[in-house]
Amino acid sequence: MIKMKLTKLTNLLVLGVVLTLGASGCRKHPTAVTPLPGQMIGSPKDPGAGTALGTDTTKPVDSSTADGIASNPAESHAGWQEDASIFKANTVHFAFDSAVVKDSDKVNVTAIAEHLKANPNTAVRVEGHCDERGTAEYNRSLGERRAQAVRTELVGLGIPATSVDTLSYGFERPIEQGHDEAAWSKNRRGEFILLTRPTTAASAK
């Protein structure tokens, strides 16, 4: 009886070892894998650095031109006499974040053109200004676009482009010191500076 029990126990132990070895064999990974069609094998390649979202890769527009009219050199009227008072009443104003000359202000631009035509020894500098909102760099660019827009109007009225200079002060020279729309609307402006050719000794004889 005891020998029979030992035989059964031995058989159970042998069976357990066989089952354990079989289970271990099933857990082995295959040595070769057949890829499925279109399946990527290995690590993906580095896509490289792309363009950041919101980045404009186009060539920036040159703010020194308006409608294809190149700006005058900075020294084009060096030494000419300046008069900031004669055209004070002809200041033009702009809407918020706009460089479009208002229809209601075009009569002021026409008055400047008529004066220049009647006085051939004169020129004008258009100075663009902005209100205090926005960065200094943005407002300097906006002020230049405003001055260029007025210059384009003058050229359209028959004034030579060489007789109209432009300059932007951005928000650096407010005419009103307030911090509300009443002040901002006055600071968004284009002013005119009359330039008169200096009298030479030869012409004075």
Foldseek 3Di string as FASTA:
>chain_A
DVVVVVVVVVVVVVVVVVVVVVVVVVPDDDPDDDDDPPDDDDDDDDPDDDDDPPDDPDDDDDLQADPNRHADPPCLQPPFDKDQPPLPVLKFFDDPPDLAGDPVSLVSLVVVLVVCVVPVQKAKEKEFEAADPDDQVVQQSSRSSNRNNSLVSSVVVPDDSSRYHYGYPRHVDQPDDDDDPVRRRRRRIIGMMMTGHDDDPVNVD
